Amino acid sequence: MSGAAPWLLVIDPQRIFADPSSEWAAPTFPAAMERIRVLAAQVGPERTVVTRWLPTADRSSSWGDYFAAWPFADVPAEDPLYALVDQARGLSAQQPLDEPTFGKWGPQLAARIGAGPGSGQEHRPHLLVTGVSTDCCVIATVLAAADAGARVTVVTDAVAASTPQNGAAALHTMSLFAPQVELRTSAEVLGGGRPGR
């Protein structure tokens, strides 16, 4: 990896997306997680942020309709479904960043990577985005981060989608936001190669 040191963002590596018996299991989660671990070893725990999606949104909003559609997920935040998978433990030196929203870009993440108000940064941070699900929490995070001025690289083989078709559609959509968003494989990121499309 070359240039300014990037931050590795690992979105929602939780059991609810990894367990094959879950209605939200991402089929390529295990393969993506292996690549995430390699990337985290290169970036280091001090510049790796792991997030969790928690079911704590206000049920009087449209989130009430969402949880009515997915009752298996309407359990307390402490339920084992929402725990990090074992492979995600120790990737970051910090506690997981918890949000009740699909997108993880917001004041918490901006502050964690030094992009908040008054940070004094001359340049916006560079995020390497990995995790699950490509077609939900990943795309929601990527587009908001790009809007906020972050440089975003989606690591295409370190994200996992609900289905191959949905993943391909989400990656295509994110590719339309170049040059703020670029797509690279983990090998390209680690080797400093040109982005893939």
N, C-alpha and C. Protein backbone atom coordinates (compact mmCIF):
# COMPACT_ATOMS: atom_id res chain seq x y z
N MET A 1 0.85 -1.19 0.00
CA MET A 1 0.00 0.00 0.00
C MET A 1 0.89 1.24 0.00
N SER A 2 0.52 2.22 -0.82
CA SER A 2 1.35 3.40 -0.94
C SER A 2 0.53 4.64 -0.59
N GLY A 3 1.23 5.79 -0.48
CA GLY A 3 0.56 7.04 -0.16
C GLY A 3 0.26 7.14 1.32
N ALA A 4 -0.62 8.10 1.65
CA ALA A 4 -1.00 8.30 3.06
C ALA A 4 -1.63 7.03 3.60
N ALA A 5 -1.33 6.74 4.85
CA ALA A 5 -1.84 5.51 5.46
C ALA A 5 -3.36 5.51 5.48
N PRO A 6 -3.98 4.47 4.95
CA PRO A 6 -5.44 4.41 4.94
C PRO A 6 -5.97 3.85 6.26
N TRP A 7 -7.26 3.99 6.44
CA TRP A 7 -7.99 3.34 7.52
C TRP A 7 -8.73 2.16 6.92
N LEU A 8 -8.71 1.03 7.63
CA LEU A 8 -9.49 -0.13 7.22
C LEU A 8 -10.80 -0.13 7.99
N LEU A 9 -11.90 -0.11 7.26
CA LEU A 9 -13.23 -0.15 7.86
C LEU A 9 -13.83 -1.52 7.62
N VAL A 10 -14.12 -2.24 8.69
CA VAL A 10 -14.70 -3.58 8.60
C VAL A 10 -16.15 -3.47 9.07
N ILE A 11 -17.05 -3.50 8.11
CA ILE A 11 -18.46 -3.25 8.40
C ILE A 11 -19.18 -4.52 8.84
N ASP A 12 -19.64 -4.51 10.07
CA ASP A 12 -20.60 -5.47 10.62
C ASP A 12 -20.23 -6.96 10.46
N PRO A 13 -19.03 -7.38 10.89
CA PRO A 13 -18.68 -8.80 10.82
C PRO A 13 -19.32 -9.56 11.99
N GLN A 14 -20.63 -9.72 11.90
CA GLN A 14 -21.43 -10.26 13.00
C GLN A 14 -22.04 -11.60 12.63
N ARG A 15 -22.40 -12.34 13.66
CA ARG A 15 -22.93 -13.69 13.45
C ARG A 15 -24.20 -13.70 12.61
N ILE A 16 -25.01 -12.67 12.73
CA ILE A 16 -26.27 -12.63 12.00
C ILE A 16 -26.04 -12.66 10.48
N PHE A 17 -24.86 -12.21 10.04
CA PHE A 17 -24.54 -12.21 8.62
C PHE A 17 -23.64 -13.38 8.23
N ALA A 18 -23.10 -14.08 9.22
CA ALA A 18 -22.15 -15.16 8.95
C ALA A 18 -22.73 -16.55 9.13
N ASP A 19 -23.65 -16.71 10.07
CA ASP A 19 -24.20 -18.03 10.38
C ASP A 19 -25.06 -18.52 9.21
N PRO A 20 -24.73 -19.65 8.63
CA PRO A 20 -25.52 -20.15 7.49
C PRO A 20 -27.00 -20.34 7.79
N SER A 21 -27.34 -20.50 9.06
CA SER A 21 -28.76 -20.69 9.41
C SER A 21 -29.52 -19.37 9.51
N SER A 22 -28.82 -18.25 9.47
CA SER A 22 -29.47 -16.94 9.56
C SER A 22 -30.12 -16.57 8.23
N GLU A 23 -31.26 -15.90 8.32
CA GLU A 23 -31.93 -15.43 7.11
C GLU A 23 -31.12 -14.37 6.39
N TRP A 24 -30.16 -13.77 7.05
CA TRP A 24 -29.32 -12.73 6.45
C TRP A 24 -27.90 -13.21 6.16
N ALA A 25 -27.68 -14.50 6.13
CA ALA A 25 -26.33 -15.01 5.89
C ALA A 25 -25.84 -14.59 4.51
N ALA A 26 -24.61 -14.10 4.46
CA ALA A 26 -23.96 -13.74 3.19
C ALA A 26 -23.09 -14.92 2.76
N PRO A 27 -23.38 -15.54 1.62
CA PRO A 27 -22.68 -16.77 1.24
C PRO A 27 -21.16 -16.65 1.17
N THR A 28 -20.65 -15.51 0.78
CA THR A 28 -19.19 -15.35 0.63
C THR A 28 -18.53 -14.74 1.87
N PHE A 29 -19.25 -14.71 2.98
CA PHE A 29 -18.69 -14.11 4.20
C PHE A 29 -17.37 -14.75 4.61
N PRO A 30 -17.25 -16.09 4.65
CA PRO A 30 -15.98 -16.68 5.10
C PRO A 30 -14.79 -16.26 4.25
N ALA A 31 -14.96 -16.26 2.92
CA ALA A 31 -13.86 -15.86 2.04
C ALA A 31 -13.51 -14.39 2.23
N ALA A 32 -14.53 -13.54 2.35
CA ALA A 32 -14.27 -12.11 2.58
C ALA A 32 -13.54 -11.90 3.90
N MET A 33 -13.92 -12.65 4.92
CA MET A 33 -13.30 -12.48 6.23
C MET A 33 -11.82 -12.85 6.20
N GLU A 34 -11.46 -13.86 5.42
CA GLU A 34 -10.05 -14.22 5.30
C GLU A 34 -9.24 -13.07 4.69
N ARG A 35 -9.79 -12.42 3.69
CA ARG A 35 -9.09 -11.29 3.07
C ARG A 35 -9.05 -10.09 4.00
N ILE A 36 -10.11 -9.90 4.77
CA ILE A 36 -10.13 -8.81 5.75
C ILE A 36 -9.01 -8.99 6.76
N ARG A 37 -8.79 -10.21 7.21
CA ARG A 37 -7.74 -10.47 8.20
C ARG A 37 -6.36 -10.15 7.63
N VAL A 38 -6.13 -10.44 6.36
CA VAL A 38 -4.85 -10.12 5.72
C VAL A 38 -4.68 -8.60 5.63
N LEU A 39 -5.73 -7.92 5.22
CA LEU A 39 -5.68 -6.46 5.14
C LEU A 39 -5.44 -5.84 6.51
N ALA A 40 -6.13 -6.35 7.52
CA ALA A 40 -5.98 -5.81 8.88
C ALA A 40 -4.56 -6.00 9.39
N ALA A 41 -3.94 -7.12 9.03
CA ALA A 41 -2.56 -7.36 9.45
C ALA A 41 -1.62 -6.33 8.84
N GLN A 42 -1.93 -5.89 7.62
CA GLN A 42 -1.09 -4.90 6.95
C GLN A 42 -1.35 -3.49 7.48
N VAL A 43 -2.61 -3.15 7.66
CA VAL A 43 -2.98 -1.80 8.12
C VAL A 43 -2.64 -1.61 9.59
N GLY A 44 -2.88 -2.65 10.39
CA GLY A 44 -2.60 -2.60 11.81
C GLY A 44 -3.83 -2.27 12.63
N PRO A 45 -3.88 -2.74 13.88
CA PRO A 45 -5.06 -2.56 14.71
C PRO A 45 -5.36 -1.10 15.07
N GLU A 46 -4.35 -0.24 15.05
CA GLU A 46 -4.58 1.17 15.40
C GLU A 46 -5.34 1.92 14.32
N ARG A 47 -5.30 1.42 13.08
CA ARG A 47 -5.99 2.09 11.97
C ARG A 47 -7.09 1.21 11.39
N THR A 48 -7.58 0.28 12.18
CA THR A 48 -8.69 -0.57 11.77
C THR A 48 -9.90 -0.26 12.66
N VAL A 49 -11.03 -0.06 12.02
CA VAL A 49 -12.29 0.21 12.74
C VAL A 49 -13.28 -0.89 12.38
N VAL A 50 -13.83 -1.53 13.40
CA VAL A 50 -14.84 -2.57 13.22
C VAL A 50 -16.18 -2.01 13.69
N THR A 51 -17.21 -2.19 12.88
CA THR A 51 -18.53 -1.68 13.25
C THR A 51 -19.48 -2.83 13.54
N ARG A 52 -20.57 -2.47 14.23
CA ARG A 52 -21.68 -3.42 14.43
C ARG A 52 -22.99 -2.69 14.14
N TRP A 53 -23.89 -3.39 13.47
CA TRP A 53 -25.26 -2.89 13.31
C TRP A 53 -26.09 -3.49 14.44
N LEU A 54 -26.73 -2.62 15.21
CA LEU A 54 -27.53 -3.08 16.34
C LEU A 54 -29.00 -2.71 16.15
N PRO A 55 -29.91 -3.55 16.64
CA PRO A 55 -31.34 -3.37 16.42
C PRO A 55 -31.97 -2.41 17.43
N THR A 56 -31.41 -1.22 17.54
CA THR A 56 -31.85 -0.28 18.57
C THR A 56 -32.59 0.93 18.01
N ALA A 57 -32.94 0.89 16.73
CA ALA A 57 -33.63 2.04 16.11
C ALA A 57 -35.04 2.19 16.68
N ASP A 58 -35.55 3.40 16.59
CA ASP A 58 -36.89 3.75 17.08
C ASP A 58 -37.95 2.99 16.29
N ARG A 59 -38.71 2.14 16.95
CA ARG A 59 -39.72 1.34 16.26
C ARG A 59 -40.93 2.16 15.82
N SER A 60 -41.04 3.42 16.28
CA SER A 60 -42.14 4.25 15.81
C SER A 60 -41.84 4.86 14.43
N SER A 61 -40.62 4.69 13.97
CA SER A 61 -40.22 5.17 12.64
C SER A 61 -40.40 4.03 11.63
N SER A 62 -39.89 4.22 10.42
CA SER A 62 -39.98 3.16 9.41
C SER A 62 -39.21 1.91 9.82
N TRP A 63 -38.32 2.05 10.82
CA TRP A 63 -37.64 0.87 11.33
C TRP A 63 -38.62 -0.12 11.97
N GLY A 64 -39.75 0.37 12.47
CA GLY A 64 -40.76 -0.54 12.99
C GLY A 64 -41.28 -1.47 11.90
N ASP A 65 -41.51 -0.91 10.71
CA ASP A 65 -41.94 -1.73 9.58
C ASP A 65 -40.86 -2.72 9.18
N TYR A 66 -39.62 -2.26 9.24
CA TYR A 66 -38.50 -3.12 8.86
C TYR A 66 -38.42 -4.34 9.78
N PHE A 67 -38.48 -4.10 11.08
CA PHE A 67 -38.40 -5.22 12.01
C PHE A 67 -39.64 -6.10 11.98
N ALA A 68 -40.78 -5.54 11.60
CA ALA A 68 -41.97 -6.37 11.42
C ALA A 68 -41.78 -7.33 10.25
N ALA A 69 -41.03 -6.88 9.24
CA ALA A 69 -40.75 -7.72 8.08
C ALA A 69 -39.69 -8.78 8.38
N TRP A 70 -38.84 -8.50 9.36
CA TRP A 70 -37.75 -9.42 9.73
C TRP A 70 -37.81 -9.70 11.23
N PRO A 71 -38.83 -10.39 11.71
CA PRO A 71 -38.99 -10.58 13.15
C PRO A 71 -37.86 -11.37 13.80
N PHE A 72 -37.17 -12.23 13.05
CA PHE A 72 -36.09 -13.00 13.65
C PHE A 72 -34.97 -12.10 14.16
N ALA A 73 -34.84 -10.90 13.55
CA ALA A 73 -33.78 -9.97 13.92
C ALA A 73 -34.20 -9.00 15.02
N ASP A 74 -35.47 -9.03 15.39
CA ASP A 74 -36.00 -8.10 16.40
C ASP A 74 -35.79 -8.69 17.79
N VAL A 75 -34.53 -8.69 18.19
CA VAL A 75 -34.13 -9.22 19.49
C VAL A 75 -33.26 -8.17 20.17
N PRO A 76 -33.00 -8.32 21.46
CA PRO A 76 -32.15 -7.33 22.13
C PRO A 76 -30.75 -7.26 21.51
N ALA A 77 -30.14 -6.11 21.63
CA ALA A 77 -28.80 -5.90 21.06
C ALA A 77 -27.77 -6.86 21.64
N GLU A 78 -28.04 -7.36 22.84
CA GLU A 78 -27.11 -8.27 23.51
C GLU A 78 -27.24 -9.71 23.01
N ASP A 79 -28.22 -9.98 22.15
CA ASP A 79 -28.42 -11.33 21.65
C ASP A 79 -27.17 -11.80 20.91
N PRO A 80 -26.82 -13.09 21.04
CA PRO A 80 -25.64 -13.61 20.34
C PRO A 80 -25.65 -13.39 18.83
N LEU A 81 -26.85 -13.22 18.24
CA LEU A 81 -26.91 -12.93 16.80
C LEU A 81 -26.07 -11.72 16.42
N TYR A 82 -25.99 -10.75 17.32
CA TYR A 82 -25.32 -9.49 17.01
C TYR A 82 -23.88 -9.43 17.48
N ALA A 83 -23.37 -10.54 18.00
CA ALA A 83 -21.97 -10.58 18.43
C ALA A 83 -21.05 -10.61 17.21
N LEU A 84 -19.84 -10.11 17.39
CA LEU A 84 -18.83 -10.24 16.34
C LEU A 84 -18.46 -11.70 16.16
N VAL A 85 -18.13 -12.08 14.94
CA VAL A 85 -17.60 -13.42 14.72
C VAL A 85 -16.21 -13.51 15.35
N ASP A 86 -15.80 -14.71 15.67
CA ASP A 86 -14.51 -14.89 16.33
C ASP A 86 -13.36 -14.31 15.51
N GLN A 87 -13.43 -14.43 14.18
CA GLN A 87 -12.33 -13.95 13.33
C GLN A 87 -12.17 -12.44 13.36
N ALA A 88 -13.21 -11.72 13.80
CA ALA A 88 -13.13 -10.26 13.84
C ALA A 88 -12.57 -9.73 15.15
N ARG A 89 -12.50 -10.59 16.14
CA ARG A 89 -11.98 -10.15 17.44
C ARG A 89 -10.48 -9.89 17.33
N GLY A 90 -10.06 -8.76 17.88
CA GLY A 90 -8.65 -8.42 17.86
C GLY A 90 -8.17 -7.71 16.61
N LEU A 91 -9.05 -7.51 15.62
CA LEU A 91 -8.64 -6.79 14.41
C LEU A 91 -8.35 -5.33 14.71
N SER A 92 -9.09 -4.76 15.66
CA SER A 92 -8.96 -3.34 16.00
C SER A 92 -8.50 -3.18 17.44
N ALA A 93 -7.76 -2.12 17.67
CA ALA A 93 -7.32 -1.81 19.04
C ALA A 93 -8.41 -1.09 19.81
N GLN A 94 -9.51 -0.73 19.13
CA GLN A 94 -10.59 0.03 19.74
C GLN A 94 -11.84 -0.82 19.88
N GLN A 95 -12.76 -0.36 20.70
CA GLN A 95 -14.05 -1.01 20.82
C GLN A 95 -14.82 -0.88 19.50
N PRO A 96 -15.71 -1.82 19.21
CA PRO A 96 -16.51 -1.70 17.99
C PRO A 96 -17.33 -0.41 18.00
N LEU A 97 -17.53 0.12 16.82
CA LEU A 97 -18.35 1.32 16.64
C LEU A 97 -19.76 0.83 16.33
N ASP A 98 -20.71 1.12 17.21
CA ASP A 98 -22.07 0.62 17.08
C ASP A 98 -23.01 1.69 16.53
N GLU A 99 -23.82 1.31 15.54
CA GLU A 99 -24.82 2.21 14.97
C GLU A 99 -26.10 1.43 14.71
N PRO A 100 -27.26 2.10 14.81
CA PRO A 100 -28.53 1.44 14.52
C PRO A 100 -28.96 1.64 13.07
N THR A 101 -28.05 2.13 12.23
CA THR A 101 -28.36 2.48 10.84
C THR A 101 -27.54 1.62 9.88
N PHE A 102 -28.06 1.45 8.66
CA PHE A 102 -27.32 0.70 7.65
C PHE A 102 -25.96 1.36 7.41
N GLY A 103 -25.98 2.65 7.09
CA GLY A 103 -24.74 3.37 6.83
C GLY A 103 -23.99 3.64 8.12
N LYS A 104 -22.69 3.45 8.09
CA LYS A 104 -21.89 3.67 9.29
C LYS A 104 -21.16 5.00 9.28
N TRP A 105 -21.21 5.74 8.17
CA TRP A 105 -20.59 7.06 8.15
C TRP A 105 -21.45 8.03 8.94
N GLY A 106 -20.85 8.72 9.88
CA GLY A 106 -21.55 9.69 10.71
C GLY A 106 -20.57 10.29 11.69
N PRO A 107 -21.05 11.05 12.66
CA PRO A 107 -20.14 11.72 13.60
C PRO A 107 -19.20 10.77 14.34
N GLN A 108 -19.70 9.59 14.73
CA GLN A 108 -18.84 8.65 15.46
C GLN A 108 -17.65 8.20 14.62
N LEU A 109 -17.92 7.76 13.40
CA LEU A 109 -16.85 7.26 12.55
C LEU A 109 -15.92 8.39 12.12
N ALA A 110 -16.49 9.53 11.78
CA ALA A 110 -15.66 10.67 11.39
C ALA A 110 -14.70 11.06 12.51
N ALA A 111 -15.21 11.09 13.73
CA ALA A 111 -14.35 11.44 14.87
C ALA A 111 -13.29 10.37 15.10
N ARG A 112 -13.66 9.12 14.94
CA ARG A 112 -12.72 8.03 15.20
C ARG A 112 -11.53 8.08 14.25
N ILE A 113 -11.75 8.49 13.00
CA ILE A 113 -10.65 8.52 12.04
C ILE A 113 -10.09 9.92 11.85
N GLY A 114 -10.49 10.85 12.73
CA GLY A 114 -9.91 12.19 12.69
C GLY A 114 -10.43 13.07 11.59
N ALA A 115 -11.68 12.83 11.16
CA ALA A 115 -12.26 13.65 10.09
C ALA A 115 -13.39 14.52 10.60
N GLY A 116 -13.54 14.63 11.92
CA GLY A 116 -14.63 15.42 12.48
C GLY A 116 -14.35 16.91 12.40
N PRO A 117 -15.32 17.74 12.79
CA PRO A 117 -15.15 19.19 12.79
C PRO A 117 -13.93 19.59 13.63
N GLY A 118 -13.13 20.51 13.08
CA GLY A 118 -11.98 21.00 13.82
C GLY A 118 -10.81 20.05 13.84
N SER A 119 -10.83 19.02 12.97
CA SER A 119 -9.73 18.06 12.98
C SER A 119 -8.45 18.67 12.43
N GLY A 120 -8.60 19.73 11.64
CA GLY A 120 -7.43 20.39 11.10
C GLY A 120 -6.73 19.62 10.01
N GLN A 121 -7.35 18.56 9.50
CA GLN A 121 -6.72 17.78 8.45
C GLN A 121 -6.71 18.55 7.14
N GLU A 122 -5.56 18.52 6.48
CA GLU A 122 -5.47 19.16 5.18
C GLU A 122 -6.20 18.34 4.12
N HIS A 123 -6.16 17.02 4.30
CA HIS A 123 -6.80 16.13 3.34
C HIS A 123 -7.78 15.23 4.07
N ARG A 124 -8.81 14.85 3.37
CA ARG A 124 -9.77 13.92 3.94
C ARG A 124 -9.14 12.53 4.02
N PRO A 125 -9.61 11.70 4.93
CA PRO A 125 -9.02 10.37 5.10
C PRO A 125 -9.32 9.45 3.93
N HIS A 126 -8.54 8.39 3.84
CA HIS A 126 -8.73 7.34 2.85
C HIS A 126 -9.25 6.11 3.58
N LEU A 127 -10.41 5.64 3.18
CA LEU A 127 -11.04 4.47 3.78
C LEU A 127 -10.96 3.27 2.84
N LEU A 128 -10.46 2.15 3.35
CA LEU A 128 -10.57 0.87 2.67
C LEU A 128 -11.80 0.19 3.26
N VAL A 129 -12.83 0.02 2.47
CA VAL A 129 -14.10 -0.48 2.98
C VAL A 129 -14.25 -1.96 2.68
N THR A 130 -14.54 -2.72 3.75
CA THR A 130 -14.76 -4.16 3.66
C THR A 130 -15.98 -4.49 4.50
N GLY A 131 -16.41 -5.76 4.44
CA GLY A 131 -17.48 -6.19 5.34
C GLY A 131 -18.74 -6.61 4.62
N VAL A 132 -19.84 -6.47 5.31
CA VAL A 132 -21.10 -7.04 4.88
C VAL A 132 -22.24 -6.07 5.22
N SER A 133 -23.24 -6.01 4.48
CA SER A 133 -23.47 -6.63 3.19
C SER A 133 -23.22 -5.61 2.10
N THR A 134 -22.59 -6.06 1.02
CA THR A 134 -22.25 -5.17 -0.08
C THR A 134 -23.46 -4.35 -0.52
N ASP A 135 -24.61 -5.00 -0.60
CA ASP A 135 -25.81 -4.38 -1.14
C ASP A 135 -26.69 -3.72 -0.08
N CYS A 136 -26.15 -3.51 1.11
CA CYS A 136 -26.92 -2.82 2.15
C CYS A 136 -26.01 -1.88 2.94
N CYS A 137 -25.42 -2.38 4.01
CA CYS A 137 -24.63 -1.51 4.89
C CYS A 137 -23.37 -0.98 4.22
N VAL A 138 -22.76 -1.77 3.33
CA VAL A 138 -21.55 -1.30 2.65
C VAL A 138 -21.88 -0.14 1.73
N ILE A 139 -22.83 -0.32 0.84
CA ILE A 139 -23.13 0.74 -0.13
C ILE A 139 -23.65 1.99 0.58
N ALA A 140 -24.44 1.82 1.63
CA ALA A 140 -24.95 2.98 2.37
C ALA A 140 -23.81 3.76 3.02
N THR A 141 -22.81 3.06 3.51
CA THR A 141 -21.65 3.72 4.12
C THR A 141 -20.79 4.40 3.08
N VAL A 142 -20.52 3.71 2.00
CA VAL A 142 -19.62 4.22 0.96
C VAL A 142 -20.14 5.52 0.36
N LEU A 143 -21.41 5.57 0.01
CA LEU A 143 -21.93 6.77 -0.65
C LEU A 143 -21.97 7.96 0.31
N ALA A 144 -22.29 7.73 1.57
CA ALA A 144 -22.28 8.82 2.54
C ALA A 144 -20.87 9.32 2.80
N ALA A 145 -19.90 8.40 2.90
CA ALA A 145 -18.51 8.80 3.13
C ALA A 145 -17.98 9.61 1.95
N ALA A 146 -18.29 9.18 0.74
CA ALA A 146 -17.86 9.92 -0.44
C ALA A 146 -18.48 11.32 -0.47
N ASP A 147 -19.76 11.39 -0.13
CA ASP A 147 -20.43 12.70 -0.06
C ASP A 147 -19.74 13.62 0.94
N ALA A 148 -19.22 13.05 2.01
CA ALA A 148 -18.56 13.84 3.05
C ALA A 148 -17.13 14.20 2.69
N GLY A 149 -16.65 13.70 1.56
CA GLY A 149 -15.32 14.07 1.10
C GLY A 149 -14.22 13.07 1.37
N ALA A 150 -14.57 11.92 1.92
CA ALA A 150 -13.56 10.89 2.14
C ALA A 150 -13.19 10.24 0.81
N ARG A 151 -11.94 9.81 0.70
CA ARG A 151 -11.52 8.96 -0.41
C ARG A 151 -11.87 7.53 -0.02
N VAL A 152 -12.59 6.85 -0.89
CA VAL A 152 -13.11 5.52 -0.54
C VAL A 152 -12.65 4.49 -1.55
N THR A 153 -12.06 3.42 -1.05
CA THR A 153 -11.75 2.25 -1.86
C THR A 153 -12.57 1.08 -1.34
N VAL A 154 -13.40 0.52 -2.20
CA VAL A 154 -14.16 -0.68 -1.86
C VAL A 154 -13.31 -1.88 -2.26
N VAL A 155 -12.99 -2.72 -1.30
CA VAL A 155 -12.17 -3.90 -1.58
C VAL A 155 -13.12 -5.01 -2.02
N THR A 156 -13.17 -5.23 -3.32
CA THR A 156 -14.26 -6.00 -3.92
C THR A 156 -14.32 -7.45 -3.49
N ASP A 157 -13.19 -8.06 -3.12
CA ASP A 157 -13.22 -9.45 -2.68
C ASP A 157 -13.16 -9.57 -1.15
N ALA A 158 -13.31 -8.44 -0.48
CA ALA A 158 -13.37 -8.43 0.99
C ALA A 158 -14.70 -7.87 1.48
N VAL A 159 -15.68 -7.87 0.58
CA VAL A 159 -17.07 -7.55 0.94
C VAL A 159 -17.92 -8.76 0.59
N ALA A 160 -19.02 -8.93 1.31
CA ALA A 160 -19.90 -10.08 1.09
C ALA A 160 -21.32 -9.58 0.91
N ALA A 161 -22.01 -10.14 -0.07
CA ALA A 161 -23.36 -9.68 -0.42
C ALA A 161 -24.40 -10.72 -0.07
N SER A 162 -25.67 -10.29 -0.12
CA SER A 162 -26.76 -11.22 0.16
C SER A 162 -26.86 -12.29 -0.90
N THR A 163 -26.60 -11.91 -2.17
CA THR A 163 -26.55 -12.86 -3.28
C THR A 163 -25.49 -12.35 -4.26
N PRO A 164 -24.94 -13.21 -5.12
CA PRO A 164 -23.98 -12.73 -6.11
C PRO A 164 -24.55 -11.64 -7.01
N GLN A 165 -25.82 -11.78 -7.39
CA GLN A 165 -26.44 -10.79 -8.27
C GLN A 165 -26.56 -9.43 -7.57
N ASN A 166 -27.01 -9.45 -6.32
CA ASN A 166 -27.13 -8.19 -5.58
C ASN A 166 -25.77 -7.56 -5.34
N GLY A 167 -24.76 -8.39 -5.08
CA GLY A 167 -23.42 -7.86 -4.88
C GLY A 167 -22.89 -7.20 -6.13
N ALA A 168 -23.08 -7.84 -7.28
CA ALA A 168 -22.61 -7.27 -8.54
C ALA A 168 -23.31 -5.95 -8.84
N ALA A 169 -24.61 -5.88 -8.56
CA ALA A 169 -25.35 -4.65 -8.80
C ALA A 169 -24.86 -3.53 -7.90
N ALA A 170 -24.59 -3.85 -6.63
CA ALA A 170 -24.10 -2.83 -5.69
C ALA A 170 -22.72 -2.34 -6.09
N LEU A 171 -21.83 -3.25 -6.47
CA LEU A 171 -20.49 -2.84 -6.91
C LEU A 171 -20.58 -1.96 -8.15
N HIS A 172 -21.44 -2.32 -9.08
CA HIS A 172 -21.60 -1.49 -10.28
C HIS A 172 -22.07 -0.10 -9.90
N THR A 173 -23.06 -0.02 -9.01
CA THR A 173 -23.57 1.29 -8.60
C THR A 173 -22.46 2.12 -7.96
N MET A 174 -21.68 1.52 -7.07
CA MET A 174 -20.61 2.27 -6.42
C MET A 174 -19.54 2.69 -7.41
N SER A 175 -19.31 1.90 -8.47
CA SER A 175 -18.30 2.26 -9.47
C SER A 175 -18.68 3.53 -10.22
N LEU A 176 -19.97 3.86 -10.23
CA LEU A 176 -20.43 5.07 -10.93
C LEU A 176 -20.01 6.36 -10.22
N PHE A 177 -19.50 6.22 -8.99
CA PHE A 177 -19.13 7.40 -8.20
C PHE A 177 -17.63 7.69 -8.24
N ALA A 178 -16.94 7.12 -9.22
CA ALA A 178 -15.53 7.46 -9.41
C ALA A 178 -15.43 8.95 -9.77
N PRO A 179 -14.36 9.65 -9.39
CA PRO A 179 -13.16 9.12 -8.73
C PRO A 179 -13.22 9.12 -7.20
N GLN A 180 -14.33 9.56 -6.62
CA GLN A 180 -14.40 9.54 -5.15
C GLN A 180 -14.43 8.13 -4.59
N VAL A 181 -15.00 7.22 -5.36
CA VAL A 181 -15.07 5.82 -4.97
C VAL A 181 -14.35 5.00 -6.03
N GLU A 182 -13.43 4.15 -5.59
CA GLU A 182 -12.77 3.25 -6.52
C GLU A 182 -12.94 1.82 -6.03
N LEU A 183 -12.87 0.90 -6.97
CA LEU A 183 -12.99 -0.52 -6.66
C LEU A 183 -11.64 -1.18 -6.89
N ARG A 184 -11.17 -1.94 -5.89
CA ARG A 184 -9.91 -2.68 -6.02
C ARG A 184 -10.07 -4.03 -5.35
N THR A 185 -9.34 -5.00 -5.84
CA THR A 185 -9.27 -6.28 -5.15
C THR A 185 -8.28 -6.14 -3.99
N SER A 186 -8.29 -7.12 -3.09
CA SER A 186 -7.33 -7.07 -1.98
C SER A 186 -5.90 -7.16 -2.50
N ALA A 187 -5.67 -7.95 -3.54
CA ALA A 187 -4.32 -8.04 -4.10
C ALA A 187 -3.87 -6.70 -4.66
N GLU A 188 -4.77 -5.97 -5.30
CA GLU A 188 -4.42 -4.64 -5.82
C GLU A 188 -4.14 -3.67 -4.70
N VAL A 189 -4.92 -3.73 -3.63
CA VAL A 189 -4.69 -2.85 -2.49
C VAL A 189 -3.33 -3.15 -1.85
N LEU A 190 -3.05 -4.42 -1.63
CA LEU A 190 -1.81 -4.79 -0.97
C LEU A 190 -0.60 -4.55 -1.85
N GLY A 191 -0.81 -4.69 -3.17
CA GLY A 191 0.30 -4.51 -4.10
C GLY A 191 0.40 -3.13 -4.70
N GLY A 192 -0.58 -2.26 -4.36
CA GLY A 192 -0.57 -0.90 -4.91
C GLY A 192 -0.94 -0.84 -6.37
N GLY A 193 -1.64 -1.86 -6.88
CA GLY A 193 -1.99 -1.91 -8.30
C GLY A 193 -3.12 -0.98 -8.66
N ARG A 194 -3.39 -0.91 -9.98
CA ARG A 194 -4.47 -0.06 -10.48
C ARG A 194 -5.81 -0.66 -10.10
N PRO A 195 -6.83 0.19 -9.92
CA PRO A 195 -8.14 -0.32 -9.54
C PRO A 195 -8.74 -1.21 -10.60
N GLY A 196 -9.50 -2.21 -10.14
CA GLY A 196 -10.24 -3.06 -11.06
C GLY A 196 -11.67 -2.58 -11.20
N ARG A 197 -12.31 -2.96 -12.27
CA ARG A 197 -13.70 -2.56 -12.50
C ARG A 197 -14.53 -3.77 -12.80
